[in-house]
Structures are given as structure tokens and as C-alpha cells.
PDB file of N, CA and C in Angstrom:
ATOM      1  N   MET A   1     -45.087 -47.014-106.739  1.00  0.00           N
ATOM      2  CA  MET A   1     -44.312 -46.375-105.705  1.00  0.00           C
ATOM      3  C   MET A   1     -45.059 -45.126-105.259  1.00  0.00           C
ATOM      4  N   THR A   2     -45.150 -44.937-103.972  1.00  0.00           N
ATOM      5  CA  THR A   2     -45.838 -43.758-103.439  1.00  0.00           C
ATOM      6  C   THR A   2     -44.802 -42.750-102.957  1.00  0.00           C
ATOM      7  N   ARG A   3     -45.196 -41.497-103.022  1.00  0.00           N
ATOM      8  CA  ARG A   3     -44.308 -40.421-102.577  1.00  0.00           C
ATOM      9  C   ARG A   3     -44.774 -39.883-101.240  1.00  0.00           C
ATOM     10  N   SER A   4     -43.851 -39.533-100.463  1.00  0.00           N
ATOM     11  CA  SER A   4     -44.144 -38.908 -99.182  1.00  0.00           C
ATOM     12  C   SER A   4     -44.522 -37.450 -99.430  1.00  0.00           C
ATOM     13  N   LEU A   5     -45.375 -36.881 -98.604  1.00  0.00           N
ATOM     14  CA  LEU A   5     -45.728 -35.474 -98.725  1.00  0.00           C
ATOM     15  C   LEU A   5     -44.541 -34.569 -98.429  1.00  0.00           C
ATOM     16  N   HIS A   6     -43.537 -35.093 -97.787  1.00  0.00           N
ATOM     17  CA  HIS A   6     -42.360 -34.298 -97.446  1.00  0.00           C
ATOM     18  C   HIS A   6     -41.394 -34.173 -98.615  1.00  0.00           C
ATOM     19  N   THR A   7     -41.560 -34.966 -99.620  1.00  0.00           N
ATOM     20  CA  THR A   7     -40.671 -34.933-100.763  1.00  0.00           C
ATOM     21  C   THR A   7     -41.438 -34.368-101.952  1.00  0.00           C
ATOM     22  N   LEU A   8     -41.057 -33.180-102.386  1.00  0.00           N
ATOM     23  CA  LEU A   8     -41.722 -32.536-103.525  1.00  0.00           C
ATOM     24  C   LEU A   8     -40.778 -32.539-104.711  1.00  0.00           C
ATOM     25  N   ASP A   9     -41.320 -32.832-105.849  1.00  0.00           N
ATOM     26  CA  ASP A   9     -40.539 -32.839-107.074  1.00  0.00           C
ATOM     27  C   ASP A   9     -40.731 -31.482-107.749  1.00  0.00           C
ATOM     28  N   ILE A  10     -39.742 -30.603-107.636  1.00  0.00           N
ATOM     29  CA  ILE A  10     -39.839 -29.263-108.204  1.00  0.00           C
ATOM     30  C   ILE A  10     -38.922 -29.186-109.411  1.00  0.00           C
ATOM     31  N   ARG A  11     -39.511 -28.817-110.517  1.00  0.00           N
ATOM     32  CA  ARG A  11     -38.731 -28.652-111.740  1.00  0.00           C
ATOM     33  C   ARG A  11     -38.920 -27.229-112.243  1.00  0.00           C
ATOM     34  N   LEU A  12     -37.833 -26.552-112.444  1.00  0.00           N
ATOM     35  CA  LEU A  12     -37.877 -25.182-112.939  1.00  0.00           C
ATOM     36  C   LEU A  12     -37.426 -25.171-114.391  1.00  0.00           C
ATOM     37  N   SER A  13     -38.195 -24.466-115.195  1.00  0.00           N
ATOM     38  CA  SER A  13     -37.798 -24.295-116.586  1.00  0.00           C
ATOM     39  C   SER A  13     -37.506 -22.812-116.812  1.00  0.00           C
ATOM     40  N   ARG A  14     -36.774 -22.537-117.838  1.00  0.00           N
ATOM     41  CA  ARG A  14     -36.480 -21.140-118.174  1.00  0.00           C
ATOM     42  C   ARG A  14     -37.783 -20.385-118.428  1.00  0.00           C
ATOM     43  N   ARG A  15     -38.707 -20.996-119.138  1.00  0.00           N
ATOM     44  CA  ARG A  15     -39.991 -20.369-119.448  1.00  0.00           C
ATOM     45  C   ARG A  15     -40.769 -20.076-118.161  1.00  0.00           C
ATOM     46  N   GLY A  16     -40.770 -20.988-117.234  1.00  0.00           N
ATOM     47  CA  GLY A  16     -41.480 -20.792-115.969  1.00  0.00           C
ATOM     48  C   GLY A  16     -40.877 -19.672-115.132  1.00  0.00           C
ATOM     49  N   VAL A  17     -39.548 -19.644-115.080  1.00  0.00           N
ATOM     50  CA  VAL A  17     -38.878 -18.595-114.307  1.00  0.00           C
ATOM     51  C   VAL A  17     -39.126 -17.232-114.935  1.00  0.00           C
ATOM     52  N   LEU A  18     -38.977 -17.126-116.267  1.00  0.00           N
ATOM     53  CA  LEU A  18     -39.199 -15.850-116.945  1.00  0.00           C
ATOM     54  C   LEU A  18     -40.653 -15.414-116.847  1.00  0.00           C
ATOM     55  N   GLY A  19     -41.573 -16.344-116.930  1.00  0.00           N
ATOM     56  CA  GLY A  19     -42.995 -16.018-116.792  1.00  0.00           C
ATOM     57  C   GLY A  19     -43.303 -15.491-115.394  1.00  0.00           C
ATOM     58  N   GLY A  20     -42.732 -16.125-114.388  1.00  0.00           N
ATOM     59  CA  GLY A  20     -42.921 -15.666-113.016  1.00  0.00           C
ATOM     60  C   GLY A  20     -42.326 -14.281-112.791  1.00  0.00           C
ATOM     61  N   ALA A  21     -41.162 -14.036-113.383  1.00  0.00           N
ATOM     62  CA  ALA A  21     -40.520 -12.730-113.261  1.00  0.00           C
ATOM     63  C   ALA A  21     -41.362 -11.654-113.939  1.00  0.00           C
ATOM     64  N   ALA A  22     -41.905 -11.960-115.110  1.00  0.00           N
ATOM     65  CA  ALA A  22     -42.757 -11.001-115.817  1.00  0.00           C
ATOM     66  C   ALA A  22     -44.011 -10.691-115.007  1.00  0.00           C
ATOM     67  N   LEU A  23     -44.582 -11.698-114.387  1.00  0.00           N
ATOM     68  CA  LEU A  23     -45.759 -11.506-113.549  1.00  0.00           C
ATOM     69  C   LEU A  23     -45.421 -10.601-112.360  1.00  0.00           C
ATOM     70  N   ALA A  24     -44.287 -10.827-111.729  1.00  0.00           N
ATOM     71  CA  ALA A  24     -43.868 -10.013-110.587  1.00  0.00           C
ATOM     72  C   ALA A  24     -43.654  -8.557-110.996  1.00  0.00           C
ATOM     73  N   VAL A  25     -43.046  -8.332-112.161  1.00  0.00           N
ATOM     74  CA  VAL A  25     -42.835  -6.974-112.652  1.00  0.00           C
ATOM     75  C   VAL A  25     -44.178  -6.297-112.918  1.00  0.00           C
ATOM     76  N   GLY A  26     -45.109  -7.018-113.505  1.00  0.00           N
ATOM     77  CA  GLY A  26     -46.431  -6.464-113.789  1.00  0.00           C
ATOM     78  C   GLY A  26     -47.176  -6.086-112.525  1.00  0.00           C
ATOM     79  N   VAL A  27     -47.134  -6.949-111.530  1.00  0.00           N
ATOM     80  CA  VAL A  27     -47.793  -6.659-110.254  1.00  0.00           C
ATOM     81  C   VAL A  27     -47.134  -5.448-109.591  1.00  0.00           C
ATOM     82  N   GLY A  28     -45.832  -5.361-109.651  1.00  0.00           N
ATOM     83  CA  GLY A  28     -45.125  -4.217-109.084  1.00  0.00           C
ATOM     84  C   GLY A  28     -45.494  -2.917-109.781  1.00  0.00           C
ATOM     85  N   ALA A  29     -45.619  -2.955-111.105  1.00  0.00           N
ATOM     86  CA  ALA A  29     -46.003  -1.760-111.861  1.00  0.00           C
ATOM     87  C   ALA A  29     -47.417  -1.320-111.491  1.00  0.00           C
ATOM     88  N   LEU A  30     -48.316  -2.263-111.302  1.00  0.00           N
ATOM     89  CA  LEU A  30     -49.677  -1.918-110.886  1.00  0.00           C
ATOM     90  C   LEU A  30     -49.687  -1.292-109.502  1.00  0.00           C
ATOM     91  N   ALA A  31     -48.886  -1.805-108.603  1.00  0.00           N
ATOM     92  CA  ALA A  31     -48.825  -1.254-107.245  1.00  0.00           C
ATOM     93  C   ALA A  31     -48.297   0.173-107.274  1.00  0.00           C
ATOM     94  N   ILE A  32     -47.308   0.423-108.106  1.00  0.00           N
ATOM     95  CA  ILE A  32     -46.739   1.773-108.197  1.00  0.00           C
ATOM     96  C   ILE A  32     -47.748   2.723-108.819  1.00  0.00           C
ATOM     97  N   SER A  33     -48.448   2.308-109.872  1.00  0.00           N
ATOM     98  CA  SER A  33     -49.412   3.193-110.523  1.00  0.00           C
ATOM     99  C   SER A  33     -50.597   3.472-109.615  1.00  0.00           C
ATOM    100  N   ALA A  34     -50.936   2.554-108.727  1.00  0.00           N
ATOM    101  CA  ALA A  34     -52.035   2.781-107.791  1.00  0.00           C
ATOM    102  C   ALA A  34     -51.667   3.862-106.793  1.00  0.00           C
ATOM    103  N   GLN A  35     -50.377   4.061-106.548  1.00  0.00           N
ATOM    104  CA  GLN A  35     -49.924   5.079-105.614  1.00  0.00           C
ATOM    105  C   GLN A  35     -49.620   6.392-106.320  1.00  0.00           C
ATOM    106  N   ALA A  36     -49.777   6.434-107.624  1.00  0.00           N
ATOM    107  CA  ALA A  36     -49.474   7.637-108.379  1.00  0.00           C
ATOM    108  C   ALA A  36     -50.423   8.764-107.998  1.00  0.00           C
ATOM    109  N   GLU A  37     -49.976   9.968-108.260  1.00  0.00           N
ATOM    110  CA  GLU A  37     -50.770  11.142-107.930  1.00  0.00           C
ATOM    111  C   GLU A  37     -52.081  11.132-108.718  1.00  0.00           C
ATOM    112  N   PRO A  38     -53.203  11.449-108.056  1.00  0.00           N
ATOM    113  CA  PRO A  38     -54.479  11.460-108.755  1.00  0.00           C
ATOM    114  C   PRO A  38     -54.523  12.568-109.811  1.00  0.00           C
ATOM    115  N   VAL A  39     -55.382  12.402-110.787  1.00  0.00           N
ATOM    116  CA  VAL A  39     -55.540  13.395-111.842  1.00  0.00           C
ATOM    117  C   VAL A  39     -56.185  14.638-111.245  1.00  0.00           C
ATOM    118  N   LYS A  40     -55.602  15.789-111.525  1.00  0.00           N
ATOM    119  CA  LYS A  40     -56.138  17.047-111.014  1.00  0.00           C
ATOM    120  C   LYS A  40     -57.249  17.561-111.924  1.00  0.00           C
ATOM    121  N   ARG A  41     -58.212  18.228-111.321  1.00  0.00           N
ATOM    122  CA  ARG A  41     -59.329  18.809-112.068  1.00  0.00           C
ATOM    123  C   ARG A  41     -58.923  20.161-112.642  1.00  0.00           C
ATOM    124  N   SER A  42     -59.582  20.556-113.710  1.00  0.00           N
ATOM    125  CA  SER A  42     -59.279  21.846-114.317  1.00  0.00           C
ATOM    126  C   SER A  42     -59.855  22.969-113.461  1.00  0.00           C
ATOM    127  N   GLN A  43     -59.286  24.154-113.599  1.00  0.00           N
ATOM    128  CA  GLN A  43     -59.757  25.313-112.851  1.00  0.00           C
ATOM    129  C   GLN A  43     -61.202  25.646-113.213  1.00  0.00           C
ATOM    130  N   LYS A  44     -61.545  25.450-114.459  1.00  0.00           N
ATOM    131  CA  LYS A  44     -62.910  25.751-114.916  1.00  0.00           C
ATOM    132  C   LYS A  44     -63.930  24.833-114.235  1.00  0.00           C
ATOM    133  N   VAL A  45     -63.610  23.555-114.127  1.00  0.00           N
ATOM    134  CA  VAL A  45     -64.527  22.576-113.533  1.00  0.00           C
ATOM    135  C   VAL A  45     -64.834  22.910-112.078  1.00  0.00           C
ATOM    136  N   VAL A  46     -63.851  23.440-111.353  1.00  0.00           N
ATOM    137  CA  VAL A  46     -64.047  23.727-109.921  1.00  0.00           C
ATOM    138  C   VAL A  46     -64.367  25.198-109.661  1.00  0.00           C
ATOM    139  N   SER A  47     -64.651  25.944-110.721  1.00  0.00           N
ATOM    140  CA  SER A  47     -65.019  27.370-110.614  1.00  0.00           C
ATOM    141  C   SER A  47     -63.949  28.189-109.891  1.00  0.00           C
ATOM    142  N   TYR A  48     -62.683  27.924-110.227  1.00  0.00           N
ATOM    143  CA  TYR A  48     -61.570  28.652-109.601  1.00  0.00           C
ATOM    144  C   TYR A  48     -61.643  30.135-109.943  1.00  0.00           C
ATOM    145  N   GLN A  49     -61.327  30.963-108.943  1.00  0.00           N
ATOM    146  CA  GLN A  49     -61.217  32.409-109.146  1.00  0.00           C
ATOM    147  C   GLN A  49     -59.992  32.903-108.390  1.00  0.00           C
ATOM    148  N   ASP A  50     -59.368  33.979-108.894  1.00  0.00           N
ATOM    149  CA  ASP A  50     -58.143  34.521-108.291  1.00  0.00           C
ATOM    150  C   ASP A  50     -58.403  35.295-107.003  1.00  0.00           C
ATOM    151  N   THR A  51     -59.650  35.520-106.657  1.00  0.00           N
ATOM    152  CA  THR A  51     -59.992  36.292-105.465  1.00  0.00           C
ATOM    153  C   THR A  51     -60.661  35.391-104.431  1.00  0.00           C
ATOM    154  N   PRO A  52     -60.538  35.745-103.143  1.00  0.00           N
ATOM    155  CA  PRO A  52     -61.141  34.913-102.095  1.00  0.00           C
ATOM    156  C   PRO A  52     -62.658  35.015-102.092  1.00  0.00           C
ATOM    157  N   LYS A  53     -63.288  34.104-101.392  1.00  0.00           N
ATOM    158  CA  LYS A  53     -64.736  34.145-101.196  1.00  0.00           C
ATOM    159  C   LYS A  53     -64.948  34.312 -99.692  1.00  0.00           C
ATOM    160  N   GLY A  54     -65.024  35.573 -99.279  1.00  0.00           N
ATOM    161  CA  GLY A  54     -65.078  35.872 -97.857  1.00  0.00           C
ATOM    162  C   GLY A  54     -63.747  35.544 -97.218  1.00  0.00           C
ATOM    163  N   ARG A  55     -63.787  34.768 -96.148  1.00  0.00           N
ATOM    164  CA  ARG A  55     -62.555  34.354 -95.470  1.00  0.00           C
ATOM    165  C   ARG A  55     -61.953  33.100 -96.100  1.00  0.00           C
ATOM    166  N   ALA A  56     -62.687  32.467 -96.975  1.00  0.00           N
ATOM    167  CA  ALA A  56     -62.216  31.247 -97.636  1.00  0.00           C
ATOM    168  C   ALA A  56     -61.252  31.627 -98.755  1.00  0.00           C
ATOM    169  N   ARG A  57     -60.023  31.152 -98.640  1.00  0.00           N
ATOM    170  CA  ARG A  57     -59.006  31.413 -99.649  1.00  0.00           C
ATOM    171  C   ARG A  57     -58.055  30.230 -99.721  1.00  0.00           C
ATOM    172  N   CYS A  58     -57.391  30.085-100.833  1.00  0.00           N
ATOM    173  CA  CYS A  58     -56.553  28.912-101.077  1.00  0.00           C
ATOM    174  C   CYS A  58     -55.477  28.687-100.020  1.00  0.00           C
ATOM    175  N   ASP A  59     -54.834  29.748 -99.550  1.00  0.00           N
ATOM    176  CA  ASP A  59     -53.735  29.544 -98.611  1.00  0.00           C
ATOM    177  C   ASP A  59     -54.184  29.103 -97.215  1.00  0.00           C
ATOM    178  N   ASN A  60     -55.493  29.028 -96.952  1.00  0.00           N
ATOM    179  CA  ASN A  60     -55.953  28.420 -95.703  1.00  0.00           C
ATOM    180  C   ASN A  60     -56.844  27.205 -95.973  1.00  0.00           C
ATOM    181  N   CYS A  61     -56.631  26.599 -97.144  1.00  0.00           N
ATOM    182  CA  CYS A  61     -57.347  25.380 -97.555  1.00  0.00           C
ATOM    183  C   CYS A  61     -56.441  24.168 -97.295  1.00  0.00           C
ATOM    184  N   SER A  62     -57.032  23.053 -96.935  1.00  0.00           N
ATOM    185  CA  SER A  62     -56.251  21.841 -96.665  1.00  0.00           C
ATOM    186  C   SER A  62     -55.620  21.253 -97.929  1.00  0.00           C
ATOM    187  N   GLN A  63     -56.061  21.679 -99.104  1.00  0.00           N
ATOM    188  CA  GLN A  63     -55.516  21.190-100.374  1.00  0.00           C
ATOM    189  C   GLN A  63     -54.343  22.038-100.882  1.00  0.00           C
ATOM    190  N   TRP A  64     -54.077  23.158-100.226  1.00  0.00           N
ATOM    191  CA  TRP A  64     -53.054  24.123-100.663  1.00  0.00           C
ATOM    192  C   TRP A  64     -51.645  23.540-100.610  1.00  0.00           C
ATOM    193  N   GLN A  65     -50.860  23.827-101.667  1.00  0.00           N
ATOM    194  CA  GLN A  65     -49.454  23.423-101.748  1.00  0.00           C
ATOM    195  C   GLN A  65     -48.631  24.650-102.146  1.00  0.00           C
ATOM    196  N   PRO A  66     -47.991  25.311-101.167  1.00  0.00           N
ATOM    197  CA  PRO A  66     -47.205  26.510-101.466  1.00  0.00           C
ATOM    198  C   PRO A  66     -46.105  26.217-102.484  1.00  0.00           C
ATOM    199  N   PRO A  67     -45.681  27.156-103.310  1.00  0.00           N
ATOM    200  CA  PRO A  67     -46.103  28.540-103.277  1.00  0.00           C
ATOM    201  C   PRO A  67     -47.352  28.836-104.097  1.00  0.00           C
ATOM    202  N   GLU A  68     -47.630  28.087-105.174  1.00  0.00           N
ATOM    203  CA  GLU A  68     -48.813  28.375-106.000  1.00  0.00           C
ATOM    204  C   GLU A  68     -49.382  27.105-106.623  1.00  0.00           C
ATOM    205  N   ALA A  69     -49.764  26.137-105.783  1.00  0.00           N
ATOM    206  CA  ALA A  69     -50.296  24.873-106.304  1.00  0.00           C
ATOM    207  C   ALA A  69     -51.385  24.331-105.384  1.00  0.00           C
ATOM    208  N   CYS A  70     -52.069  23.321-105.885  1.00  0.00           N
ATOM    209  CA  CYS A  70     -53.155  22.667-105.154  1.00  0.00           C
ATOM    210  C   CYS A  70     -53.056  21.165-105.399  1.00  0.00           C
ATOM    211  N   LYS A  71     -53.457  20.364-104.399  1.00  0.00           N
ATOM    212  CA  LYS A  71     -53.435  18.911-104.534  1.00  0.00           C
ATOM    213  C   LYS A  71     -54.485  18.410-105.514  1.00  0.00           C
ATOM    214  N   THR A  72     -55.578  19.150-105.696  1.00  0.00           N
ATOM    215  CA  THR A  72     -56.693  18.653-106.503  1.00  0.00           C
ATOM    216  C   THR A  72     -57.011  19.474-107.742  1.00  0.00           C
ATOM    217  N   VAL A  73     -56.417  20.681-107.867  1.00  0.00           N
ATOM    218  CA  VAL A  73     -56.721  21.560-109.005  1.00  0.00           C
ATOM    219  C   VAL A  73     -55.444  21.811-109.805  1.00  0.00           C
ATOM    220  N   ALA A  74     -55.542  21.714-111.118  1.00  0.00           N
ATOM    221  CA  ALA A  74     -54.396  21.894-112.009  1.00  0.00           C
ATOM    222  C   ALA A  74     -54.076  23.371-112.209  1.00  0.00           C
ATOM    223  N   GLY A  75     -52.831  23.637-112.561  1.00  0.00           N
ATOM    224  CA  GLY A  75     -52.412  24.983-112.924  1.00  0.00           C
ATOM    225  C   GLY A  75     -51.883  25.791-111.760  1.00  0.00           C
ATOM    226  N   VAL A  76     -51.568  27.059-112.059  1.00  0.00           N
ATOM    227  CA  VAL A  76     -51.073  27.983-111.044  1.00  0.00           C
ATOM    228  C   VAL A  76     -52.249  28.445-110.200  1.00  0.00           C
ATOM    229  N   ILE A  77     -52.099  28.312-108.885  1.00  0.00           N
ATOM    230  CA  ILE A  77     -53.161  28.676-107.944  1.00  0.00           C
ATOM    231  C   ILE A  77     -52.647  29.801-107.056  1.00  0.00           C
ATOM    232  N   LYS A  78     -53.342  30.917-107.058  1.00  0.00           N
ATOM    233  CA  LYS A  78     -52.956  32.069-106.241  1.00  0.00           C
ATOM    234  C   LYS A  78     -53.306  31.817-104.775  1.00  0.00           C
ATOM    235  N   PRO A  79     -52.471  32.262-103.844  1.00  0.00           N
ATOM    236  CA  PRO A  79     -52.776  32.087-102.421  1.00  0.00           C
ATOM    237  C   PRO A  79     -54.103  32.739-102.033  1.00  0.00           C
ATOM    238  N   SER A  80     -54.451  33.823-102.709  1.00  0.00           N
ATOM    239  CA  SER A  80     -55.683  34.542-102.391  1.00  0.00           C
ATOM    240  C   SER A  80     -56.884  34.044-103.198  1.00  0.00           C
ATOM    241  N   GLY A  81     -56.724  32.956-103.957  1.00  0.00           N
ATOM    242  CA  GLY A  81     -57.803  32.430-104.785  1.00  0.00           C
ATOM    243  C   GLY A  81     -58.811  31.609-103.999  1.00  0.00           C
ATOM    244  N   TRP A  82     -59.788  31.074-104.705  1.00  0.00           N
ATOM    245  CA  TRP A  82     -60.833  30.225-104.116  1.00  0.00           C
ATOM    246  C   TRP A  82     -61.411  29.328-105.209  1.00  0.00           C
ATOM    247  N   CYS A  83     -61.931  28.147-104.824  1.00  0.00           N
ATOM    248  CA  CYS A  83     -62.657  27.281-105.753  1.00  0.00           C
ATOM    249  C   CYS A  83     -63.674  26.446-104.970  1.00  0.00           C
ATOM    250  N   SER A  84     -64.490  25.701-105.698  1.00  0.00           N
ATOM    251  CA  SER A  84     -65.583  24.938-105.075  1.00  0.00           C
ATOM    252  C   SER A  84     -65.122  23.736-104.265  1.00  0.00           C
ATOM    253  N   VAL A  85     -63.867  23.333-104.368  1.00  0.00           N
ATOM    254  CA  VAL A  85     -63.370  22.211-103.560  1.00  0.00           C
ATOM    255  C   VAL A  85     -62.662  22.705-102.294  1.00  0.00           C
ATOM    256  N   TYR A  86     -62.842  23.981-101.971  1.00  0.00           N
ATOM    257  CA  TYR A  86     -62.224  24.561-100.778  1.00  0.00           C
ATOM    258  C   TYR A  86     -62.601  23.744 -99.548  1.00  0.00           C
ATOM    259  N   ALA A  87     -61.595  23.407 -98.746  1.00  0.00           N
ATOM    260  CA  ALA A  87     -61.792  22.676 -97.492  1.00  0.00           C
ATOM    261  C   ALA A  87     -60.880  23.326 -96.448  1.00  0.00           C
ATOM    262  N   PRO A  88     -61.450  24.019 -95.472  1.00  0.00           N
ATOM    263  CA  PRO A  88     -60.615  24.730 -94.496  1.00  0.00           C
ATOM    264  C   PRO A  88     -59.681  23.804 -93.735  1.00  0.00           C
ATOM    265  N   LYS A  89     -58.498  24.327 -93.422  1.00  0.00           N
ATOM    266  CA  LYS A  89     -57.544  23.567 -92.605  1.00  0.00           C
ATOM    267  C   LYS A  89     -58.150  23.401 -91.215  1.00  0.00           C
ATOM    268  N   LEU A  90     -57.931  22.253 -90.631  1.00  0.00           N
ATOM    269  CA  LEU A  90     -58.454  22.000 -89.279  1.00  0.00           C
ATOM    270  C   LEU A  90     -57.477  22.410 -88.222  1.00  0.00           C
TER     271      LEU A  90
END
């Protein structure tokens, strides 16, 4: 007896459904972790200082996050500080 391509024999087992659900959860967890905040560098690594370097200062850097934070550098960051990852706001 031949089967038509329009007729599919689908059998679901508890093991198959649970395995598929576990796979979906794992893929979802990977997608969420890929969107997680990147690891910040230490102040020492980026030569952070509490004083500006000329006109370059943290509060006019594109990485600045008021009141005292940075997107790429860990710890308390002073608005008047500076580091080697300074990138002026455009």
C-alpha cells in the first residue's frame, strides 16, 4: 500500500514532546544571554582617572550613564573623570 504525500503519520510521545520543550527552553536561554549586558572592564585596565584630560571628560562621553556610571567601565565613575575608552558624544 502506498501513502499519499498529503497524508502524514504523526505520532507524538511524551519523551518527544518533553525533549522538544527542553530544546526550546535552551534556545530561549541562549537568546536571552546573548542580549545580556557585556562585561565591563576594570578602571585600572582603561587607565581611569578622576580628573579630565583637557576637554575630554566622562560626562561628555558617549559611554556615560548618569549619575556616576559607564557602559563599558566598572565601578563609580565621576562626571569629571576620564579613561582610555573615551569617545566624544556626536
